[in-house]
C-alpha cells in the first residue's frame, strides 16, 4: 500500500517521465530485434505502449495487494468466503481511496476506470490465493 501511495503521489510530469522512459527502453529493445537497422520506433506505437504499461501497472500493483491481503486475512478466519470478500473489499476500497488521492496530486486525476482496473487486479490476486487454499485443502 505504501508503494502504491508513493507512485500515486508523484505529479503527472514525474510519473509520465518514469513510465515513458520505461516504455522507450522496452520498445527500443524489442524494436531492434524486428525492425530494419536504423529505423526508429513510431511515435504512435510508443504512445500506445505507454498507455498499456501505465494500465498494466495498476493491474499488477493491485494484483499484488489483493494477493498479500488475502494471504494475511486467511490467518484471521477459517471461512474462505470471508477471506475472499474481506480481501476484495479492502483492496477495492484502497483503490477508490488511491484514485481520490490522485485528484489532489498536480496534473493527476480521479478516474473510475482506473479504480475498476485496480479492483480487477485485486480480484485476480485474491483469486490466486483462493486457488492455492483450495489446492492445499485437496492435498490434506
Protein backbone atom coordinates (compact mmCIF):
# COMPACT_ATOMS: atom_id res chain seq x y z
CA UNK A 1 0.00 0.00 0.00
CA UNK A 2 2.93 2.32 0.73
CA UNK A 3 4.39 1.64 -2.70
CA UNK A 4 1.07 2.37 -4.40
CA UNK A 5 0.73 5.59 -2.37
CA UNK A 6 4.30 6.61 -3.30
CA UNK A 7 3.71 6.22 -7.04
CA UNK A 8 0.28 7.87 -6.82
CA UNK A 9 1.81 10.87 -5.07
CA UNK A 10 4.08 11.66 -8.00
CA UNK A 11 2.94 14.66 -10.03
CA UNK A 12 1.81 13.81 -13.56
CA UNK A 13 5.02 15.09 -15.19
CA UNK A 14 7.27 12.97 -12.95
CA UNK A 15 5.05 9.89 -13.28
CA UNK A 16 4.87 10.24 -17.05
CA UNK A 17 8.64 10.61 -17.34
CA UNK A 18 9.18 7.43 -15.30
CA UNK A 19 6.72 5.32 -17.27
CA UNK A 20 7.76 6.96 -20.54
CA UNK A 21 11.41 6.08 -20.07
CA UNK A 22 10.42 2.51 -19.19
CA UNK A 23 8.25 2.32 -22.31
CA UNK A 24 11.01 3.63 -24.57
CA UNK A 25 13.56 1.22 -23.07
CA UNK A 26 11.30 -1.82 -23.53
CA UNK A 27 10.17 -0.85 -27.02
CA UNK A 28 13.69 0.10 -28.08
CA UNK A 29 14.97 -3.35 -27.11
CA UNK A 30 12.13 -5.25 -28.77
CA UNK A 31 12.08 -2.99 -31.83
CA UNK A 32 15.78 -3.58 -32.50
CA UNK A 33 15.10 -7.32 -32.91
CA UNK A 34 12.40 -6.96 -35.56
CA UNK A 35 12.85 -3.63 -37.36
CA UNK A 36 15.38 -2.88 -40.07
CA UNK A 37 18.54 -1.38 -38.61
CA UNK A 38 18.38 2.34 -38.03
CA UNK A 39 14.60 2.56 -38.16
CA UNK A 40 13.12 4.46 -35.24
CA UNK A 41 10.14 3.28 -33.19
CA UNK A 42 6.98 5.05 -34.47
CA UNK A 43 5.56 7.60 -32.01
CA UNK A 44 2.07 6.09 -32.26
CA UNK A 45 3.50 2.77 -31.08
CA UNK A 46 5.31 4.47 -28.21
CA UNK A 47 2.17 6.32 -27.05
CA UNK A 48 0.02 3.17 -27.29
CA UNK A 49 2.58 1.11 -25.39
CA UNK A 50 2.86 3.90 -22.79
CA UNK A 51 -0.86 3.68 -22.04
CA UNK A 52 -0.68 -0.13 -21.85
CA UNK A 53 2.26 -0.02 -19.44
CA UNK A 54 0.54 2.55 -17.20
CA UNK A 55 -2.67 0.50 -17.09
CA UNK A 56 -0.71 -2.72 -16.54
CA UNK A 57 0.96 -1.08 -13.56
CA UNK A 58 -2.49 -0.55 -11.99
CA UNK A 59 -3.44 -4.16 -12.60
CA UNK A 60 -0.16 -5.63 -11.32
CA UNK A 61 0.09 -3.40 -8.23
CA UNK A 62 -3.41 -4.31 -7.11
CA UNK A 63 -2.94 -7.97 -8.01
CA UNK A 64 -0.05 -7.99 -5.54
CA UNK A 65 -2.13 -6.06 -2.98
CA UNK A 66 -5.05 -8.49 -3.34
CA UNK A 67 -2.71 -11.47 -3.05
CA UNK A 68 -0.99 -10.10 0.07
CA UNK A 69 -4.26 -9.03 1.69
CA UNK A 70 -5.91 -12.40 1.11
CA UNK A 71 -2.83 -14.19 2.37
CA UNK A 72 -2.98 -12.14 5.58
CA UNK A 73 -6.76 -12.43 6.04
CA UNK A 74 -6.72 -16.21 5.67
CA UNK A 75 -4.98 -16.37 9.06
CA UNK A 76 -7.82 -14.40 10.66
CA UNK A 77 -10.77 -16.53 9.57
CA UNK A 78 -11.39 -20.10 8.50
CA UNK A 79 -14.18 -19.10 6.11
CA UNK A 80 -12.98 -18.98 2.52
CA UNK A 81 -15.85 -16.66 1.59
CA UNK A 82 -14.82 -14.22 4.30
CA UNK A 83 -11.23 -14.32 3.08
CA UNK A 84 -12.44 -13.61 -0.45
CA UNK A 85 -14.86 -10.79 0.36
CA UNK A 86 -12.82 -9.06 3.07
CA UNK A 87 -9.71 -9.09 0.87
CA UNK A 88 -11.50 -7.97 -2.26
CA UNK A 89 -13.44 -5.20 -0.50
CA UNK A 90 -10.34 -3.98 1.34
CA UNK A 91 -8.25 -3.85 -1.84
CA UNK A 92 -11.04 -2.27 -3.87
CA UNK A 93 -11.65 0.35 -1.18
CA UNK A 94 -7.96 1.18 -1.18
CA UNK A 95 -8.15 1.53 -4.97
CA UNK A 96 -11.00 4.03 -4.58
CA UNK A 97 -9.07 5.95 -1.90
CA UNK A 98 -6.00 5.92 -4.14
CA UNK A 99 -7.96 7.39 -7.04
CA UNK A 100 -9.45 10.04 -4.75
CA UNK A 101 -5.94 10.84 -3.50
CA UNK A 102 -4.75 11.33 -7.10
CA UNK A 103 -7.40 14.02 -7.54
CA UNK A 104 -5.29 16.24 -5.25
CA UNK A 105 -1.94 15.50 -6.93
CA UNK A 106 -0.88 18.11 -9.53
CA UNK A 107 -1.75 17.00 -13.06
CA UNK A 108 -3.32 13.72 -11.94
CA UNK A 109 -6.98 12.81 -11.94
CA UNK A 110 -9.51 10.57 -10.30
CA UNK A 111 -10.68 8.03 -12.88
CA UNK A 112 -13.31 5.40 -12.15
CA UNK A 113 -11.89 3.26 -14.98
CA UNK A 114 -8.60 3.00 -13.10
CA UNK A 115 -10.50 2.01 -9.95
CA UNK A 116 -12.21 -0.78 -11.91
CA UNK A 117 -8.82 -1.92 -13.18
CA UNK A 118 -7.47 -1.82 -9.61
CA UNK A 119 -10.42 -3.89 -8.42
CA UNK A 120 -9.96 -6.42 -11.23
CA UNK A 121 -6.27 -6.75 -10.35
CA UNK A 122 -7.20 -7.30 -6.70
CA UNK A 123 -9.76 -9.89 -7.78
CA UNK A 124 -7.03 -11.79 -9.65
CA UNK A 125 -4.67 -11.62 -6.66
CA UNK A 126 -7.33 -12.79 -4.23
CA UNK A 127 -8.34 -15.49 -6.72
CA UNK A 128 -4.81 -16.85 -6.79
CA UNK A 129 -4.82 -17.20 -3.00
CA UNK A 130 -8.23 -18.87 -3.14
CA UNK A 131 -6.92 -21.39 -5.70
CA UNK A 132 -3.89 -22.09 -3.52
CA UNK A 133 -6.14 -22.60 -0.48
CA UNK A 134 -8.40 -24.91 -2.48
CA UNK A 135 -5.46 -26.97 -3.72
CA UNK A 136 -4.00 -27.16 -0.22
CA UNK A 137 -7.31 -28.44 1.14
CA UNK A 138 -7.45 -31.15 -1.55
CA UNK A 139 -3.94 -32.37 -0.71
CA UNK A 140 -4.62 -32.62 3.02
